[in-house]
């Protein structure tokens, strides 16, 4: 896997990976940036969410769960001192569908946490990660 960043101006960059899809990065205005892109730590949190989301939705599909809407809400706390790593992350999976089996969701999340999601495996080395899920009937 490779990636490249191109400096635009100030603290703004355009990043591109093997997929060829560009992403804008910038610092927030209160940290000297223009707020014209995602803050790099937001990218890491979103990457974690995407990693586990893809695992869970694919496992639920294999378990023939009728998911009509799927969201993940993430919250991260950071250390007060530099390098201000994530110290605690909460991931809540919100699954909407018809007759969703809670045991299927529990197992899908467990498999993502313990076997499939490399983002989870990496971030667990520095942060406490808690997961929970909520099922809503469609």
N, C-alpha and C. Protein backbone atom coordinates (compact mmCIF):
# COMPACT_ATOMS: atom_id res chain seq x y z
N UNK A 1 0.86 -1.17 0.00
CA UNK A 1 0.00 0.00 0.00
C UNK A 1 0.90 1.23 0.00
N UNK A 2 0.53 2.19 -0.82
CA UNK A 2 1.30 3.43 -0.91
C UNK A 2 0.36 4.62 -0.84
N UNK A 3 0.88 5.75 -0.46
CA UNK A 3 0.12 6.99 -0.44
C UNK A 3 1.08 8.14 -0.71
N UNK A 4 0.53 9.26 -1.17
CA UNK A 4 1.34 10.43 -1.45
C UNK A 4 0.54 11.65 -1.05
N UNK A 5 1.23 12.65 -0.51
CA UNK A 5 0.59 13.92 -0.15
C UNK A 5 1.21 15.04 -0.95
N UNK A 6 0.37 15.96 -1.38
CA UNK A 6 0.80 17.12 -2.14
C UNK A 6 0.43 18.37 -1.35
N UNK A 7 1.40 19.20 -1.08
CA UNK A 7 1.17 20.43 -0.34
C UNK A 7 0.40 21.41 -1.22
N UNK A 8 -0.67 21.96 -0.67
CA UNK A 8 -1.47 22.95 -1.39
C UNK A 8 -1.05 24.35 -0.95
N UNK A 9 -1.17 24.64 0.35
CA UNK A 9 -0.74 25.91 0.93
C UNK A 9 -0.92 25.82 2.43
N UNK A 10 -0.25 26.68 3.17
CA UNK A 10 -0.40 26.68 4.62
C UNK A 10 -0.19 25.29 5.18
N UNK A 11 -1.20 24.76 5.85
CA UNK A 11 -1.16 23.40 6.40
C UNK A 11 -2.06 22.45 5.62
N UNK A 12 -2.49 22.88 4.43
CA UNK A 12 -3.40 22.08 3.61
C UNK A 12 -2.64 21.19 2.63
N UNK A 13 -3.12 19.94 2.53
CA UNK A 13 -2.54 18.95 1.64
C UNK A 13 -3.65 18.20 0.91
N UNK A 14 -3.31 17.62 -0.21
CA UNK A 14 -4.18 16.67 -0.88
C UNK A 14 -3.47 15.33 -0.79
N UNK A 15 -4.18 14.33 -0.30
CA UNK A 15 -3.62 13.00 -0.19
C UNK A 15 -4.26 12.07 -1.20
N UNK A 16 -3.48 11.10 -1.64
CA UNK A 16 -4.02 10.12 -2.59
C UNK A 16 -3.33 8.79 -2.34
N UNK A 17 -4.11 7.74 -2.33
CA UNK A 17 -3.58 6.40 -2.10
C UNK A 17 -3.71 5.55 -3.34
N UNK A 18 -3.50 4.27 -3.19
CA UNK A 18 -3.59 3.34 -4.30
C UNK A 18 -4.93 3.38 -5.02
N UNK A 19 -5.97 3.73 -4.30
CA UNK A 19 -7.31 3.75 -4.91
C UNK A 19 -7.45 4.87 -5.93
N UNK A 20 -6.60 5.88 -5.83
CA UNK A 20 -6.68 7.02 -6.74
C UNK A 20 -7.70 8.06 -6.33
N UNK A 21 -8.35 7.87 -5.19
CA UNK A 21 -9.36 8.81 -4.72
C UNK A 21 -8.67 9.86 -3.85
N UNK A 22 -8.75 11.14 -4.22
CA UNK A 22 -8.09 12.17 -3.44
C UNK A 22 -8.88 12.56 -2.19
N UNK A 23 -8.16 13.02 -1.18
CA UNK A 23 -8.79 13.49 0.04
C UNK A 23 -8.05 14.75 0.49
N UNK A 24 -8.83 15.75 0.91
CA UNK A 24 -8.23 16.99 1.40
C UNK A 24 -7.98 16.90 2.89
N UNK A 25 -6.79 17.34 3.30
CA UNK A 25 -6.42 17.40 4.71
C UNK A 25 -6.01 18.82 5.04
N UNK A 26 -6.31 19.24 6.25
CA UNK A 26 -5.93 20.56 6.71
C UNK A 26 -5.99 20.56 8.23
N UNK A 27 -5.36 21.52 8.83
CA UNK A 27 -5.50 21.72 10.27
C UNK A 27 -6.75 22.56 10.50
N UNK A 28 -7.29 22.47 11.69
CA UNK A 28 -8.44 23.31 12.02
C UNK A 28 -7.98 24.76 12.10
N UNK A 29 -8.92 25.67 12.00
CA UNK A 29 -8.58 27.10 12.02
C UNK A 29 -7.91 27.50 13.33
N UNK A 30 -8.33 26.89 14.44
CA UNK A 30 -7.73 27.25 15.72
C UNK A 30 -6.32 26.68 15.90
N UNK A 31 -5.87 25.88 14.94
CA UNK A 31 -4.50 25.35 14.96
C UNK A 31 -3.70 25.83 13.75
N UNK A 32 -4.14 26.93 13.16
CA UNK A 32 -3.37 27.54 12.08
C UNK A 32 -3.72 27.09 10.68
N UNK A 33 -4.71 26.25 10.55
CA UNK A 33 -5.10 25.81 9.22
C UNK A 33 -6.28 26.60 8.70
N UNK A 34 -6.74 26.21 7.54
CA UNK A 34 -7.88 26.88 6.93
C UNK A 34 -9.18 26.13 7.11
N UNK A 35 -9.11 24.95 7.72
CA UNK A 35 -10.32 24.15 7.91
C UNK A 35 -10.90 23.65 6.60
N UNK A 36 -10.05 23.44 5.59
CA UNK A 36 -10.51 23.06 4.25
C UNK A 36 -10.45 21.55 4.00
N UNK A 37 -10.22 20.79 5.03
CA UNK A 37 -10.15 19.35 4.86
C UNK A 37 -10.22 18.66 6.20
N UNK A 38 -10.17 17.36 6.16
CA UNK A 38 -10.19 16.59 7.39
C UNK A 38 -8.87 16.76 8.13
N UNK A 39 -8.97 16.83 9.45
CA UNK A 39 -7.79 16.84 10.30
C UNK A 39 -7.24 15.40 10.29
N UNK A 40 -5.93 15.21 10.22
CA UNK A 40 -5.39 13.85 10.13
C UNK A 40 -5.91 12.88 11.19
N UNK A 41 -6.09 13.31 12.43
CA UNK A 41 -6.61 12.41 13.46
C UNK A 41 -8.06 12.03 13.19
N UNK A 42 -8.82 12.92 12.54
CA UNK A 42 -10.18 12.55 12.11
C UNK A 42 -10.10 11.43 11.08
N UNK A 43 -9.12 11.52 10.19
CA UNK A 43 -8.94 10.48 9.17
C UNK A 43 -8.68 9.13 9.82
N UNK A 44 -7.87 9.13 10.87
CA UNK A 44 -7.56 7.88 11.55
C UNK A 44 -8.83 7.30 12.18
N UNK A 45 -9.62 8.15 12.83
CA UNK A 45 -10.86 7.69 13.46
C UNK A 45 -11.86 7.21 12.41
N UNK A 46 -11.99 7.95 11.32
CA UNK A 46 -12.88 7.53 10.24
C UNK A 46 -12.38 6.23 9.61
N UNK A 47 -11.06 6.11 9.47
CA UNK A 47 -10.50 4.87 8.94
C UNK A 47 -10.83 3.67 9.81
N UNK A 48 -10.74 3.84 11.12
CA UNK A 48 -11.13 2.78 12.05
C UNK A 48 -12.60 2.43 11.85
N UNK A 49 -13.44 3.46 11.77
CA UNK A 49 -14.87 3.21 11.56
C UNK A 49 -15.15 2.48 10.26
N UNK A 50 -14.48 2.90 9.20
CA UNK A 50 -14.67 2.25 7.91
C UNK A 50 -14.21 0.81 7.91
N UNK A 51 -13.09 0.57 8.56
CA UNK A 51 -12.53 -0.78 8.65
C UNK A 51 -13.51 -1.73 9.32
N UNK A 52 -14.00 -1.37 10.49
CA UNK A 52 -14.91 -2.25 11.21
C UNK A 52 -16.30 -2.28 10.57
N UNK A 53 -16.73 -1.16 9.99
CA UNK A 53 -18.04 -1.13 9.32
C UNK A 53 -18.10 -2.13 8.17
N UNK A 54 -17.04 -2.17 7.37
CA UNK A 54 -17.02 -3.09 6.23
C UNK A 54 -17.04 -4.54 6.69
N UNK A 55 -16.32 -4.82 7.79
CA UNK A 55 -16.37 -6.17 8.36
C UNK A 55 -17.78 -6.53 8.79
N UNK A 56 -18.36 -5.67 9.62
CA UNK A 56 -19.65 -5.99 10.24
C UNK A 56 -20.75 -6.11 9.19
N UNK A 57 -20.82 -5.17 8.23
CA UNK A 57 -21.91 -5.25 7.25
C UNK A 57 -21.76 -6.49 6.37
N UNK A 58 -20.52 -6.86 6.03
CA UNK A 58 -20.35 -8.06 5.20
C UNK A 58 -20.69 -9.33 5.98
N UNK A 59 -20.35 -9.38 7.26
CA UNK A 59 -20.69 -10.55 8.08
C UNK A 59 -22.20 -10.65 8.25
N UNK A 60 -22.85 -9.51 8.49
CA UNK A 60 -24.31 -9.52 8.63
C UNK A 60 -24.99 -9.97 7.34
N UNK A 61 -24.44 -9.59 6.20
CA UNK A 61 -25.00 -10.04 4.92
C UNK A 61 -24.86 -11.55 4.78
N UNK A 62 -23.70 -12.09 5.18
CA UNK A 62 -23.49 -13.55 5.12
C UNK A 62 -24.42 -14.27 6.07
N UNK A 63 -24.80 -13.62 7.16
CA UNK A 63 -25.74 -14.20 8.11
C UNK A 63 -27.19 -13.94 7.72
N UNK A 64 -27.37 -13.37 6.53
CA UNK A 64 -28.69 -13.11 5.95
C UNK A 64 -29.57 -12.21 6.83
N UNK A 65 -28.92 -11.20 7.42
CA UNK A 65 -29.67 -10.23 8.20
C UNK A 65 -30.17 -9.14 7.25
N UNK A 66 -31.42 -8.75 7.40
CA UNK A 66 -32.04 -7.78 6.50
C UNK A 66 -31.80 -6.36 7.00
N UNK A 67 -30.58 -5.86 6.76
CA UNK A 67 -30.17 -4.53 7.20
C UNK A 67 -30.65 -3.51 6.17
N UNK A 68 -31.36 -2.48 6.65
CA UNK A 68 -31.83 -1.42 5.75
C UNK A 68 -31.08 -0.11 5.95
N UNK A 69 -30.41 0.01 7.09
CA UNK A 69 -29.63 1.21 7.38
C UNK A 69 -28.55 0.81 8.38
N UNK A 70 -27.35 1.35 8.20
CA UNK A 70 -26.24 0.97 9.07
C UNK A 70 -25.36 2.20 9.28
N UNK A 71 -25.13 2.54 10.52
CA UNK A 71 -24.28 3.69 10.86
C UNK A 71 -23.35 3.29 11.99
N UNK A 72 -22.23 3.97 12.04
CA UNK A 72 -21.32 3.80 13.17
C UNK A 72 -21.02 5.18 13.72
N UNK A 73 -21.15 5.30 15.03
CA UNK A 73 -20.82 6.55 15.72
C UNK A 73 -19.56 6.30 16.54
N UNK A 74 -18.56 7.16 16.36
CA UNK A 74 -17.29 6.99 17.06
C UNK A 74 -17.00 8.23 17.89
N UNK A 75 -16.40 8.00 19.03
CA UNK A 75 -15.94 9.11 19.87
C UNK A 75 -14.56 8.72 20.39
N UNK A 76 -13.62 9.65 20.31
CA UNK A 76 -12.27 9.38 20.80
C UNK A 76 -11.84 10.47 21.77
N UNK A 77 -11.22 10.05 22.86
CA UNK A 77 -10.57 10.96 23.79
C UNK A 77 -9.08 10.90 23.49
N UNK A 78 -8.43 12.06 23.66
CA UNK A 78 -7.00 12.15 23.36
C UNK A 78 -6.22 12.57 24.60
N UNK A 79 -4.96 12.17 24.62
CA UNK A 79 -4.06 12.56 25.71
C UNK A 79 -3.90 14.08 25.70
N UNK A 80 -3.69 14.65 26.87
CA UNK A 80 -3.54 16.10 26.99
C UNK A 80 -2.20 16.59 26.46
N UNK A 81 -1.18 15.76 26.55
CA UNK A 81 0.17 16.16 26.13
C UNK A 81 0.54 15.53 24.79
N UNK A 82 1.44 16.17 24.08
CA UNK A 82 1.91 15.67 22.79
C UNK A 82 2.59 14.33 22.98
N UNK A 83 2.36 13.39 22.12
CA UNK A 83 1.78 13.49 20.80
C UNK A 83 0.25 13.39 20.74
N UNK A 84 -0.43 13.50 21.85
CA UNK A 84 -1.90 13.55 21.92
C UNK A 84 -2.56 12.37 21.20
N UNK A 85 -2.08 11.20 21.53
CA UNK A 85 -2.65 9.98 20.95
C UNK A 85 -4.06 9.75 21.48
N UNK A 86 -4.79 8.90 20.80
CA UNK A 86 -6.09 8.49 21.31
C UNK A 86 -5.85 7.65 22.56
N UNK A 87 -6.63 7.91 23.60
CA UNK A 87 -6.51 7.13 24.83
C UNK A 87 -7.73 6.23 25.04
N UNK A 88 -8.86 6.65 24.54
CA UNK A 88 -10.09 5.88 24.67
C UNK A 88 -10.96 6.13 23.44
N UNK A 89 -11.50 5.06 22.88
CA UNK A 89 -12.38 5.16 21.72
C UNK A 89 -13.64 4.36 22.00
N UNK A 90 -14.78 4.96 21.72
CA UNK A 90 -16.07 4.27 21.82
C UNK A 90 -16.64 4.15 20.41
N UNK A 91 -17.05 2.94 20.07
CA UNK A 91 -17.66 2.69 18.77
C UNK A 91 -19.06 2.14 19.02
N UNK A 92 -20.06 2.82 18.46
CA UNK A 92 -21.43 2.33 18.56
C UNK A 92 -21.95 2.03 17.17
N UNK A 93 -22.34 0.78 16.97
CA UNK A 93 -22.92 0.33 15.71
C UNK A 93 -24.43 0.49 15.82
N UNK A 94 -25.03 1.17 14.87
CA UNK A 94 -26.49 1.37 14.87
C UNK A 94 -27.03 0.66 13.64
N UNK A 95 -27.70 -0.45 13.86
CA UNK A 95 -28.20 -1.30 12.78
C UNK A 95 -29.71 -1.22 12.74
N UNK A 96 -30.24 -0.86 11.58
CA UNK A 96 -31.68 -0.81 11.38
C UNK A 96 -32.04 -1.88 10.37
N UNK A 97 -33.13 -2.58 10.63
CA UNK A 97 -33.57 -3.61 9.70
C UNK A 97 -34.79 -4.32 10.21
N UNK A 98 -35.11 -5.40 9.55
CA UNK A 98 -36.29 -6.19 9.90
C UNK A 98 -35.84 -7.49 10.57
N UNK A 99 -36.23 -7.64 11.82
CA UNK A 99 -35.94 -8.87 12.55
C UNK A 99 -34.45 -9.15 12.73
N UNK A 100 -33.66 -8.13 12.95
CA UNK A 100 -32.22 -8.31 13.12
C UNK A 100 -31.95 -9.12 14.39
N UNK A 101 -31.16 -10.16 14.28
CA UNK A 101 -30.82 -11.03 15.40
C UNK A 101 -29.67 -10.41 16.20
N UNK A 102 -29.91 -10.06 17.47
CA UNK A 102 -28.85 -9.47 18.29
C UNK A 102 -27.60 -10.34 18.40
N UNK A 103 -27.77 -11.65 18.41
CA UNK A 103 -26.62 -12.55 18.48
C UNK A 103 -25.77 -12.47 17.22
N UNK A 104 -26.42 -12.29 16.07
CA UNK A 104 -25.68 -12.14 14.80
C UNK A 104 -24.86 -10.86 14.82
N UNK A 105 -25.44 -9.78 15.34
CA UNK A 105 -24.74 -8.51 15.43
C UNK A 105 -23.58 -8.63 16.41
N UNK A 106 -23.84 -9.22 17.56
CA UNK A 106 -22.80 -9.40 18.57
C UNK A 106 -21.61 -10.17 18.00
N UNK A 107 -21.89 -11.22 17.27
CA UNK A 107 -20.82 -12.05 16.69
C UNK A 107 -20.08 -11.29 15.59
N UNK A 108 -20.80 -10.54 14.77
CA UNK A 108 -20.16 -9.76 13.70
C UNK A 108 -19.20 -8.73 14.28
N UNK A 109 -19.63 -8.05 15.33
CA UNK A 109 -18.78 -7.06 15.99
C UNK A 109 -17.57 -7.75 16.61
N UNK A 110 -17.80 -8.86 17.26
CA UNK A 110 -16.72 -9.62 17.91
C UNK A 110 -15.67 -10.07 16.89
N UNK A 111 -16.12 -10.57 15.74
CA UNK A 111 -15.19 -11.01 14.71
C UNK A 111 -14.37 -9.84 14.16
N UNK A 112 -15.01 -8.70 13.98
CA UNK A 112 -14.28 -7.52 13.53
C UNK A 112 -13.23 -7.12 14.55
N UNK A 113 -13.63 -7.10 15.82
CA UNK A 113 -12.73 -6.70 16.91
C UNK A 113 -11.53 -7.62 17.07
N UNK A 114 -11.76 -8.91 16.97
CA UNK A 114 -10.72 -9.88 17.34
C UNK A 114 -9.99 -10.52 16.17
N UNK A 115 -10.56 -10.43 14.96
CA UNK A 115 -9.97 -11.17 13.86
C UNK A 115 -9.69 -10.35 12.60
N UNK A 116 -10.65 -9.53 12.18
CA UNK A 116 -10.55 -8.96 10.84
C UNK A 116 -10.06 -7.53 10.72
N UNK A 117 -10.34 -6.66 11.65
CA UNK A 117 -10.08 -5.23 11.46
C UNK A 117 -8.65 -4.85 11.89
N UNK A 118 -7.76 -4.58 10.91
CA UNK A 118 -6.40 -4.19 11.28
C UNK A 118 -6.34 -2.83 11.98
N UNK A 119 -7.27 -1.95 11.66
CA UNK A 119 -7.31 -0.66 12.34
C UNK A 119 -7.55 -0.83 13.83
N UNK A 120 -8.46 -1.73 14.17
CA UNK A 120 -8.75 -2.01 15.58
C UNK A 120 -7.52 -2.61 16.25
N UNK A 121 -6.86 -3.55 15.58
CA UNK A 121 -5.68 -4.20 16.15
C UNK A 121 -4.57 -3.18 16.42
N UNK A 122 -4.37 -2.24 15.50
CA UNK A 122 -3.31 -1.25 15.68
C UNK A 122 -3.65 -0.26 16.79
N UNK A 123 -4.87 0.27 16.76
CA UNK A 123 -5.23 1.31 17.73
C UNK A 123 -5.40 0.77 19.14
N UNK A 124 -5.72 -0.51 19.29
CA UNK A 124 -5.83 -1.11 20.62
C UNK A 124 -4.50 -1.08 21.38
N UNK A 125 -3.41 -0.93 20.65
CA UNK A 125 -2.10 -0.90 21.30
C UNK A 125 -1.88 0.40 22.08
N UNK A 126 -2.65 1.43 21.77
CA UNK A 126 -2.47 2.70 22.48
C UNK A 126 -3.76 3.21 23.12
N UNK A 127 -4.90 2.67 22.73
CA UNK A 127 -6.18 3.19 23.24
C UNK A 127 -7.07 2.05 23.72
N UNK A 128 -7.82 2.34 24.74
CA UNK A 128 -8.86 1.43 25.20
C UNK A 128 -10.04 1.60 24.24
N UNK A 129 -10.48 0.52 23.61
CA UNK A 129 -11.58 0.61 22.65
C UNK A 129 -12.77 -0.16 23.19
N UNK A 130 -13.88 0.53 23.31
CA UNK A 130 -15.14 -0.08 23.76
C UNK A 130 -16.12 -0.08 22.60
N UNK A 131 -16.85 -1.17 22.47
CA UNK A 131 -17.87 -1.26 21.41
C UNK A 131 -19.22 -1.57 22.02
N UNK A 132 -20.23 -1.11 21.33
CA UNK A 132 -21.61 -1.45 21.70
C UNK A 132 -22.44 -1.34 20.43
N UNK A 133 -23.63 -1.92 20.47
CA UNK A 133 -24.49 -1.82 19.30
C UNK A 133 -25.93 -1.57 19.74
N UNK A 134 -26.65 -1.00 18.81
CA UNK A 134 -28.07 -0.72 19.01
C UNK A 134 -28.80 -1.18 17.75
N UNK A 135 -29.89 -1.90 17.96
CA UNK A 135 -30.70 -2.37 16.84
C UNK A 135 -32.01 -1.61 16.84
N UNK A 136 -32.37 -1.09 15.68
CA UNK A 136 -33.64 -0.39 15.51
C UNK A 136 -34.47 -1.13 14.47
N UNK A 137 -35.72 -1.38 14.79
CA UNK A 137 -36.60 -2.08 13.85
C UNK A 137 -37.03 -1.13 12.74
N UNK A 138 -36.94 -1.61 11.51
CA UNK A 138 -37.35 -0.78 10.34
C UNK A 138 -38.86 -0.72 10.23
